[in-house]
C-alpha cells in the first residue's frame, strides 16, 4: 500500500477503526489506479512523496464521494506521470 491505515485515518480525519472496512479496499485499489493512470508502479518502499500525496487526495475523493479535488488530483497525476518518465528515462 502507498499509505497505511493510520495515514488514511489521519487524512480522512477519522478516529478509531469504525470505517476501516470501507477504507481498506480503497487503499488496496489506489496502487493499481496510479499504475494504470501513470504507467508506473508507485508502491515500492520508500514510497515517493508525491505518490503519497496523490493517494491521499484520491482516498478523500473516493471516501467522501466528492469532485472537489478533481483538478488537484489531475494536476498531481500529470506531475507524477512526468516524474515516472524521468526516473525511467
PDB file of N, CA and C in Angstrom:
ATOM      1  N   UNK A   1       0.832  -1.181   0.000  1.00  0.00           N
ATOM      2  CA  UNK A   1       0.000   0.000   0.000  1.00  0.00           C
ATOM      3  C   UNK A   1       0.881   1.250   0.000  1.00  0.00           C
ATOM      4  N   UNK A   2       0.375   2.264  -0.620  1.00  0.00           N
ATOM      5  CA  UNK A   2       1.106   3.525  -0.705  1.00  0.00           C
ATOM      6  C   UNK A   2       1.001   4.295   0.603  1.00  0.00           C
ATOM      7  N   UNK A   3      -0.170   4.255   1.211  1.00  0.00           N
ATOM      8  CA  UNK A   3      -0.331   4.828   2.553  1.00  0.00           C
ATOM      9  C   UNK A   3      -0.951   3.756   3.446  1.00  0.00           C
ATOM     10  N   UNK A   4      -0.607   3.801   4.717  1.00  0.00           N
ATOM     11  CA  UNK A   4      -1.145   2.797   5.635  1.00  0.00           C
ATOM     12  C   UNK A   4      -2.456   3.290   6.259  1.00  0.00           C
ATOM     13  N   UNK A   5      -3.054   2.427   7.045  1.00  0.00           N
ATOM     14  CA  UNK A   5      -4.373   2.734   7.607  1.00  0.00           C
ATOM     15  C   UNK A   5      -4.325   3.941   8.542  1.00  0.00           C
ATOM     16  N   UNK A   6      -3.243   4.094   9.279  1.00  0.00           N
ATOM     17  CA  UNK A   6      -3.129   5.251  10.180  1.00  0.00           C
ATOM     18  C   UNK A   6      -3.066   6.554   9.392  1.00  0.00           C
ATOM     19  N   UNK A   7      -2.267   6.568   8.314  1.00  0.00           N
ATOM     20  CA  UNK A   7      -2.200   7.759   7.454  1.00  0.00           C
ATOM     21  C   UNK A   7      -3.564   8.038   6.832  1.00  0.00           C
ATOM     22  N   UNK A   8      -4.255   6.967   6.448  1.00  0.00           N
ATOM     23  CA  UNK A   8      -5.581   7.123   5.847  1.00  0.00           C
ATOM     24  C   UNK A   8      -6.562   7.735   6.844  1.00  0.00           C
ATOM     25  N   UNK A   9      -6.557   7.229   8.058  1.00  0.00           N
ATOM     26  CA  UNK A   9      -7.454   7.787   9.081  1.00  0.00           C
ATOM     27  C   UNK A   9      -7.135   9.253   9.342  1.00  0.00           C
ATOM     28  N   UNK A  10      -5.842   9.575   9.430  1.00  0.00           N
ATOM     29  CA  UNK A  10      -5.446  10.975   9.634  1.00  0.00           C
ATOM     30  C   UNK A  10      -5.915  11.844   8.478  1.00  0.00           C
ATOM     31  N   UNK A  11      -5.730  11.360   7.262  1.00  0.00           N
ATOM     32  CA  UNK A  11      -6.134  12.105   6.075  1.00  0.00           C
ATOM     33  C   UNK A  11      -7.635  12.359   6.068  1.00  0.00           C
ATOM     34  N   UNK A  12      -8.390  11.347   6.450  1.00  0.00           N
ATOM     35  CA  UNK A  12      -9.853  11.448   6.449  1.00  0.00           C
ATOM     36  C   UNK A  12     -10.406  12.041   7.743  1.00  0.00           C
ATOM     37  N   UNK A  13      -9.525  12.326   8.682  1.00  0.00           N
ATOM     38  CA  UNK A  13      -9.907  12.875   9.996  1.00  0.00           C
ATOM     39  C   UNK A  13     -10.891  11.960  10.717  1.00  0.00           C
ATOM     40  N   UNK A  14     -10.510  10.683  10.770  1.00  0.00           N
ATOM     41  CA  UNK A  14     -11.338   9.665  11.411  1.00  0.00           C
ATOM     42  C   UNK A  14     -10.601   9.130  12.634  1.00  0.00           C
ATOM     43  N   UNK A  15     -11.294   9.099  13.750  1.00  0.00           N
ATOM     44  CA  UNK A  15     -10.754   8.498  14.967  1.00  0.00           C
ATOM     45  C   UNK A  15     -11.321   7.095  15.103  1.00  0.00           C
ATOM     46  N   UNK A  16     -10.464   6.131  15.308  1.00  0.00           N
ATOM     47  CA  UNK A  16     -10.926   4.768  15.514  1.00  0.00           C
ATOM     48  C   UNK A  16     -11.034   3.985  14.227  1.00  0.00           C
ATOM     49  N   UNK A  17     -11.446   2.731  14.396  1.00  0.00           N
ATOM     50  CA  UNK A  17     -11.452   1.780  13.290  1.00  0.00           C
ATOM     51  C   UNK A  17     -12.832   1.548  12.684  1.00  0.00           C
ATOM     52  N   UNK A  18     -13.806   2.362  13.037  1.00  0.00           N
ATOM     53  CA  UNK A  18     -15.181   2.080  12.604  1.00  0.00           C
ATOM     54  C   UNK A  18     -15.368   2.098  11.084  1.00  0.00           C
ATOM     55  N   UNK A  19     -14.532   2.823  10.339  1.00  0.00           N
ATOM     56  CA  UNK A  19     -14.678   2.901   8.880  1.00  0.00           C
ATOM     57  C   UNK A  19     -13.643   2.064   8.133  1.00  0.00           C
ATOM     58  N   UNK A  20     -12.867   1.265   8.858  1.00  0.00           N
ATOM     59  CA  UNK A  20     -11.790   0.500   8.227  1.00  0.00           C
ATOM     60  C   UNK A  20     -12.281  -0.446   7.136  1.00  0.00           C
ATOM     61  N   UNK A  21     -13.483  -0.996   7.282  1.00  0.00           N
ATOM     62  CA  UNK A  21     -13.993  -1.913   6.258  1.00  0.00           C
ATOM     63  C   UNK A  21     -14.243  -1.195   4.937  1.00  0.00           C
ATOM     64  N   UNK A  22     -14.413   0.095   4.985  1.00  0.00           N
ATOM     65  CA  UNK A  22     -14.550   0.898   3.764  1.00  0.00           C
ATOM     66  C   UNK A  22     -13.181   1.369   3.292  1.00  0.00           C
ATOM     67  N   UNK A  23     -12.333   1.753   4.219  1.00  0.00           N
ATOM     68  CA  UNK A  23     -11.035   2.342   3.880  1.00  0.00           C
ATOM     69  C   UNK A  23     -10.079   1.325   3.260  1.00  0.00           C
ATOM     70  N   UNK A  24      -9.993   0.113   3.826  1.00  0.00           N
ATOM     71  CA  UNK A  24      -9.031  -0.871   3.329  1.00  0.00           C
ATOM     72  C   UNK A  24      -9.182  -1.172   1.834  1.00  0.00           C
ATOM     73  N   UNK A  25     -10.379  -1.442   1.329  1.00  0.00           N
ATOM     74  CA  UNK A  25     -10.497  -1.692  -0.113  1.00  0.00           C
ATOM     75  C   UNK A  25     -10.069  -0.494  -0.965  1.00  0.00           C
ATOM     76  N   UNK A  26     -10.324   0.707  -0.472  1.00  0.00           N
ATOM     77  CA  UNK A  26      -9.891   1.901  -1.200  1.00  0.00           C
ATOM     78  C   UNK A  26      -8.373   1.976  -1.237  1.00  0.00           C
ATOM     79  N   UNK A  27      -7.739   1.720  -0.096  1.00  0.00           N
ATOM     80  CA  UNK A  27      -6.277   1.732  -0.039  1.00  0.00           C
ATOM     81  C   UNK A  27      -5.671   0.676  -0.958  1.00  0.00           C
ATOM     82  N   UNK A  28      -6.316  -0.473  -1.042  1.00  0.00           N
ATOM     83  CA  UNK A  28      -5.822  -1.545  -1.904  1.00  0.00           C
ATOM     84  C   UNK A  28      -5.991  -1.216  -3.383  1.00  0.00           C
ATOM     85  N   UNK A  29      -6.976  -0.398  -3.722  1.00  0.00           N
ATOM     86  CA  UNK A  29      -7.234  -0.046  -5.121  1.00  0.00           C
ATOM     87  C   UNK A  29      -6.341   1.083  -5.627  1.00  0.00           C
ATOM     88  N   UNK A  30      -5.852   1.920  -4.736  1.00  0.00           N
ATOM     89  CA  UNK A  30      -5.081   3.093  -5.154  1.00  0.00           C
ATOM     90  C   UNK A  30      -3.817   2.736  -5.935  1.00  0.00           C
ATOM     91  N   UNK A  31      -2.986   1.767  -5.507  1.00  0.00           N
ATOM     92  CA  UNK A  31      -1.781   1.470  -6.295  1.00  0.00           C
ATOM     93  C   UNK A  31      -2.080   1.076  -7.741  1.00  0.00           C
ATOM     94  N   UNK A  32      -3.097   0.256  -7.948  1.00  0.00           N
ATOM     95  CA  UNK A  32      -3.472  -0.138  -9.315  1.00  0.00           C
ATOM     96  C   UNK A  32      -3.963   1.053 -10.116  1.00  0.00           C
ATOM     97  N   UNK A  33      -4.735   1.904  -9.468  1.00  0.00           N
ATOM     98  CA  UNK A  33      -5.235   3.108 -10.135  1.00  0.00           C
ATOM     99  C   UNK A  33      -4.074   3.998 -10.569  1.00  0.00           C
ATOM    100  N   UNK A  34      -3.121   4.224  -9.675  1.00  0.00           N
ATOM    101  CA  UNK A  34      -1.970   5.064 -10.022  1.00  0.00           C
ATOM    102  C   UNK A  34      -1.133   4.435 -11.125  1.00  0.00           C
ATOM    103  N   UNK A  35      -0.943   3.126 -11.068  1.00  0.00           N
ATOM    104  CA  UNK A  35      -0.164   2.459 -12.114  1.00  0.00           C
ATOM    105  C   UNK A  35      -0.872   2.545 -13.462  1.00  0.00           C
ATOM    106  N   UNK A  36      -2.175   2.385 -13.465  1.00  0.00           N
ATOM    107  CA  UNK A  36      -2.941   2.481 -14.708  1.00  0.00           C
ATOM    108  C   UNK A  36      -2.900   3.889 -15.283  1.00  0.00           C
ATOM    109  N   UNK A  37      -3.004   4.896 -14.429  1.00  0.00           N
ATOM    110  CA  UNK A  37      -3.061   6.275 -14.923  1.00  0.00           C
ATOM    111  C   UNK A  37      -1.693   6.865 -15.234  1.00  0.00           C
ATOM    112  N   UNK A  38      -0.635   6.368 -14.586  1.00  0.00           N
ATOM    113  CA  UNK A  38       0.695   6.958 -14.809  1.00  0.00           C
ATOM    114  C   UNK A  38       1.639   6.047 -15.574  1.00  0.00           C
ATOM    115  N   UNK A  39       1.303   4.763 -15.660  1.00  0.00           N
ATOM    116  CA  UNK A  39       2.171   3.822 -16.355  1.00  0.00           C
ATOM    117  C   UNK A  39       3.333   3.318 -15.516  1.00  0.00           C
ATOM    118  N   UNK A  40       3.310   3.589 -14.223  1.00  0.00           N
ATOM    119  CA  UNK A  40       4.408   3.172 -13.341  1.00  0.00           C
ATOM    120  C   UNK A  40       3.847   2.741 -11.994  1.00  0.00           C
ATOM    121  N   UNK A  41       4.490   1.750 -11.398  1.00  0.00           N
ATOM    122  CA  UNK A  41       4.121   1.307 -10.059  1.00  0.00           C
ATOM    123  C   UNK A  41       4.753   2.235  -9.029  1.00  0.00           C
ATOM    124  N   UNK A  42       3.963   2.650  -8.044  1.00  0.00           N
ATOM    125  CA  UNK A  42       4.431   3.610  -7.036  1.00  0.00           C
ATOM    126  C   UNK A  42       4.420   3.048  -5.626  1.00  0.00           C
ATOM    127  N   UNK A  43       4.178   1.755  -5.454  1.00  0.00           N
ATOM    128  CA  UNK A  43       4.056   1.209  -4.104  1.00  0.00           C
ATOM    129  C   UNK A  43       5.331   0.552  -3.588  1.00  0.00           C
ATOM    130  N   UNK A  44       6.477   0.864  -4.208  1.00  0.00           N
ATOM    131  CA  UNK A  44       7.743   0.342  -3.718  1.00  0.00           C
ATOM    132  C   UNK A  44       8.255   1.210  -2.571  1.00  0.00           C
ATOM    133  N   UNK A  45       8.966   0.580  -1.655  1.00  0.00           N
ATOM    134  CA  UNK A  45       9.491   1.288  -0.481  1.00  0.00           C
ATOM    135  C   UNK A  45      10.901   1.780  -0.786  1.00  0.00           C
ATOM    136  N   UNK A  46      11.245   3.007  -0.470  1.00  0.00           N
ATOM    137  CA  UNK A  46      10.379   4.019   0.117  1.00  0.00           C
ATOM    138  C   UNK A  46       9.423   4.591  -0.927  1.00  0.00           C
ATOM    139  N   UNK A  47       8.223   4.901  -0.496  1.00  0.00           N
ATOM    140  CA  UNK A  47       7.208   5.432  -1.405  1.00  0.00           C
ATOM    141  C   UNK A  47       7.537   6.885  -1.742  1.00  0.00           C
ATOM    142  N   UNK A  48       7.447   7.205  -3.010  1.00  0.00           N
ATOM    143  CA  UNK A  48       7.717   8.566  -3.485  1.00  0.00           C
ATOM    144  C   UNK A  48       6.719   9.520  -2.816  1.00  0.00           C
ATOM    145  N   UNK A  49       7.185  10.619  -2.221  1.00  0.00           N
ATOM    146  CA  UNK A  49       6.288  11.533  -1.504  1.00  0.00           C
ATOM    147  C   UNK A  49       5.128  12.073  -2.347  1.00  0.00           C
ATOM    148  N   UNK A  50       5.375  12.361  -3.614  1.00  0.00           N
ATOM    149  CA  UNK A  50       4.295  12.855  -4.470  1.00  0.00           C
ATOM    150  C   UNK A  50       3.222  11.781  -4.654  1.00  0.00           C
ATOM    151  N   UNK A  51       3.640  10.527  -4.771  1.00  0.00           N
ATOM    152  CA  UNK A  51       2.676   9.427  -4.894  1.00  0.00           C
ATOM    153  C   UNK A  51       1.818   9.323  -3.631  1.00  0.00           C
ATOM    154  N   UNK A  52       2.430   9.519  -2.474  1.00  0.00           N
ATOM    155  CA  UNK A  52       1.664   9.511  -1.218  1.00  0.00           C
ATOM    156  C   UNK A  52       0.627  10.622  -1.207  1.00  0.00           C
ATOM    157  N   UNK A  53       1.032  11.808  -1.651  1.00  0.00           N
ATOM    158  CA  UNK A  53       0.113  12.947  -1.634  1.00  0.00           C
ATOM    159  C   UNK A  53      -1.061  12.723  -2.582  1.00  0.00           C
ATOM    160  N   UNK A  54      -0.771  12.227  -3.780  1.00  0.00           N
ATOM    161  CA  UNK A  54      -1.845  11.927  -4.730  1.00  0.00           C
ATOM    162  C   UNK A  54      -2.777  10.872  -4.131  1.00  0.00           C
ATOM    163  N   UNK A  55      -2.200   9.847  -3.523  1.00  0.00           N
ATOM    164  CA  UNK A  55      -3.001   8.782  -2.923  1.00  0.00           C
ATOM    165  C   UNK A  55      -3.950   9.336  -1.859  1.00  0.00           C
ATOM    166  N   UNK A  56      -3.487  10.292  -1.087  1.00  0.00           N
ATOM    167  CA  UNK A  56      -4.337  10.885  -0.047  1.00  0.00           C
ATOM    168  C   UNK A  56      -5.518  11.643  -0.655  1.00  0.00           C
ATOM    169  N   UNK A  57      -5.268  12.414  -1.704  1.00  0.00           N
ATOM    170  CA  UNK A  57      -6.367  13.135  -2.354  1.00  0.00           C
ATOM    171  C   UNK A  57      -7.359  12.169  -3.006  1.00  0.00           C
ATOM    172  N   UNK A  58      -6.848  11.110  -3.620  1.00  0.00           N
ATOM    173  CA  UNK A  58      -7.729  10.111  -4.232  1.00  0.00           C
ATOM    174  C   UNK A  58      -8.571   9.432  -3.154  1.00  0.00           C
ATOM    175  N   UNK A  59      -7.947   9.099  -2.038  1.00  0.00           N
ATOM    176  CA  UNK A  59      -8.677   8.482  -0.934  1.00  0.00           C
ATOM    177  C   UNK A  59      -9.818   9.378  -0.461  1.00  0.00           C
ATOM    178  N   UNK A  60      -9.540  10.660  -0.284  1.00  0.00           N
ATOM    179  CA  UNK A  60     -10.590  11.599   0.138  1.00  0.00           C
ATOM    180  C   UNK A  60     -11.721  11.617  -0.887  1.00  0.00           C
ATOM    181  N   UNK A  61     -11.360  11.718  -2.152  1.00  0.00           N
ATOM    182  CA  UNK A  61     -12.364  11.770  -3.226  1.00  0.00           C
ATOM    183  C   UNK A  61     -13.250  10.523  -3.195  1.00  0.00           C
ATOM    184  N   UNK A  62     -12.624   9.359  -3.162  1.00  0.00           N
ATOM    185  CA  UNK A  62     -13.384   8.119  -3.182  1.00  0.00           C
ATOM    186  C   UNK A  62     -14.196   7.924  -1.905  1.00  0.00           C
ATOM    187  N   UNK A  63     -13.634   8.238  -0.758  1.00  0.00           N
ATOM    188  CA  UNK A  63     -14.322   8.019   0.516  1.00  0.00           C
ATOM    189  C   UNK A  63     -15.505   8.963   0.679  1.00  0.00           C
ATOM    190  N   UNK A  64     -15.282  10.231   0.346  1.00  0.00           N
ATOM    191  CA  UNK A  64     -16.329  11.233   0.539  1.00  0.00           C
ATOM    192  C   UNK A  64     -17.266  11.354  -0.658  1.00  0.00           C
ATOM    193  N   UNK A  65     -16.879  10.796  -1.802  1.00  0.00           N
ATOM    194  CA  UNK A  65     -17.713  10.876  -2.990  1.00  0.00           C
ATOM    195  C   UNK A  65     -17.839  12.285  -3.532  1.00  0.00           C
ATOM    196  N   UNK A  66     -16.757  13.041  -3.460  1.00  0.00           N
ATOM    197  CA  UNK A  66     -16.780  14.437  -3.889  1.00  0.00           C
ATOM    198  C   UNK A  66     -15.922  14.658  -5.130  1.00  0.00           C
ATOM    199  N   UNK A  67     -16.294  15.648  -5.915  1.00  0.00           N
ATOM    200  CA  UNK A  67     -15.499  16.041  -7.081  1.00  0.00           C
ATOM    201  C   UNK A  67     -14.623  17.249  -6.767  1.00  0.00           C
ATOM    202  N   UNK A  68     -14.643  17.668  -5.520  1.00  0.00           N
ATOM    203  CA  UNK A  68     -13.958  18.883  -5.097  1.00  0.00           C
ATOM    204  C   UNK A  68     -12.459  18.873  -5.406  1.00  0.00           C
ATOM    205  N   UNK A  69     -11.838  17.703  -5.395  1.00  0.00           N
ATOM    206  CA  UNK A  69     -10.388  17.613  -5.572  1.00  0.00           C
ATOM    207  C   UNK A  69      -9.969  17.168  -6.973  1.00  0.00           C
ATOM    208  N   UNK A  70     -10.892  17.113  -7.911  1.00  0.00           N
ATOM    209  CA  UNK A  70     -10.578  16.600  -9.242  1.00  0.00           C
ATOM    210  C   UNK A  70      -9.433  17.344  -9.922  1.00  0.00           C
ATOM    211  N   UNK A  71      -9.460  18.665  -9.907  1.00  0.00           N
ATOM    212  CA  UNK A  71      -8.399  19.439 -10.567  1.00  0.00           C
ATOM    213  C   UNK A  71      -7.057  19.223  -9.882  1.00  0.00           C
ATOM    214  N   UNK A  72      -7.065  19.166  -8.576  1.00  0.00           N
ATOM    215  CA  UNK A  72      -5.830  18.916  -7.825  1.00  0.00           C
ATOM    216  C   UNK A  72      -5.275  17.543  -8.168  1.00  0.00           C
ATOM    217  N   UNK A  73      -6.129  16.540  -8.151  1.00  0.00           N
ATOM    218  CA  UNK A  73      -5.702  15.179  -8.469  1.00  0.00           C
ATOM    219  C   UNK A  73      -5.169  15.110  -9.889  1.00  0.00           C
ATOM    220  N   UNK A  74      -5.866  15.720 -10.831  1.00  0.00           N
ATOM    221  CA  UNK A  74      -5.431  15.693 -12.227  1.00  0.00           C
ATOM    222  C   UNK A  74      -4.045  16.313 -12.377  1.00  0.00           C
ATOM    223  N   UNK A  75      -3.832  17.459 -11.746  1.00  0.00           N
ATOM    224  CA  UNK A  75      -2.525  18.111 -11.818  1.00  0.00           C
ATOM    225  C   UNK A  75      -1.426  17.270 -11.196  1.00  0.00           C
ATOM    226  N   UNK A  76      -1.720  16.653 -10.060  1.00  0.00           N
ATOM    227  CA  UNK A  76      -0.729  15.808  -9.404  1.00  0.00           C
ATOM    228  C   UNK A  76      -0.438  14.548 -10.213  1.00  0.00           C
ATOM    229  N   UNK A  77      -1.449  13.990 -10.862  1.00  0.00           N
ATOM    230  CA  UNK A  77      -1.226  12.815 -11.710  1.00  0.00           C
ATOM    231  C   UNK A  77      -0.339  13.155 -12.904  1.00  0.00           C
ATOM    232  N   UNK A  78      -0.517  14.338 -13.466  1.00  0.00           N
ATOM    233  CA  UNK A  78       0.344  14.777 -14.571  1.00  0.00           C
ATOM    234  C   UNK A  78       1.786  14.879 -14.088  1.00  0.00           C
ATOM    235  N   UNK A  79       1.979  15.497 -12.930  1.00  0.00           N
ATOM    236  CA  UNK A  79       3.324  15.626 -12.373  1.00  0.00           C
ATOM    237  C   UNK A  79       3.922  14.261 -12.045  1.00  0.00           C
ATOM    238  N   UNK A  80       3.118  13.362 -11.502  1.00  0.00           N
ATOM    239  CA  UNK A  80       3.597  12.030 -11.151  1.00  0.00           C
ATOM    240  C   UNK A  80       3.961  11.233 -12.401  1.00  0.00           C
ATOM    241  N   UNK A  81       3.165  11.370 -13.451  1.00  0.00           N
ATOM    242  CA  UNK A  81       3.475  10.706 -14.717  1.00  0.00           C
ATOM    243  C   UNK A  81       4.801  11.200 -15.268  1.00  0.00           C
ATOM    244  N   UNK A  82       5.002  12.509 -15.250  1.00  0.00           N
ATOM    245  CA  UNK A  82       6.267  13.083 -15.728  1.00  0.00           C
ATOM    246  C   UNK A  82       7.434  12.595 -14.879  1.00  0.00           C
ATOM    247  N   UNK A  83       7.243  12.534 -13.584  1.00  0.00           N
ATOM    248  CA  UNK A  83       8.289  12.050 -12.691  1.00  0.00           C
ATOM    249  C   UNK A  83       8.626  10.594 -12.997  1.00  0.00           C
ATOM    250  N   UNK A  84       7.616   9.798 -13.245  1.00  0.00           N
ATOM    251  CA  UNK A  84       7.835   8.395 -13.592  1.00  0.00           C
ATOM    252  C   UNK A  84       8.607   8.238 -14.882  1.00  0.00           C
ATOM    253  N   UNK A  85       8.295   9.049 -15.859  1.00  0.00           N
ATOM    254  CA  UNK A  85       9.020   9.005 -17.136  1.00  0.00           C
ATOM    255  C   UNK A  85      10.465   9.441 -16.952  1.00  0.00           C
ATOM    256  N   UNK A  86      10.655  10.472 -16.144  1.00  0.00           N
ATOM    257  CA  UNK A  86      12.003  10.985 -15.875  1.00  0.00           C
ATOM    258  C   UNK A  86      12.857   9.927 -15.183  1.00  0.00           C
ATOM    259  N   UNK A  87      12.275   9.227 -14.232  1.00  0.00           N
ATOM    260  CA  UNK A  87      13.012   8.202 -13.491  1.00  0.00           C
ATOM    261  C   UNK A  87      13.267   6.953 -14.318  1.00  0.00           C
ATOM    262  N   UNK A  88      12.433   6.702 -15.317  1.00  0.00           N
ATOM    263  CA  UNK A  88      12.625   5.546 -16.188  1.00  0.00           C
ATOM    264  C   UNK A  88      13.531   5.851 -17.369  1.00  0.00           C
ATOM    265  N   UNK A  89      13.680   7.139 -17.675  1.00  0.00           N
ATOM    266  CA  UNK A  89      14.422   7.529 -18.866  1.00  0.00           C
ATOM    267  C   UNK A  89      15.833   7.699 -18.610  1.00  0.00           C
TER     268      UNK A  89
END
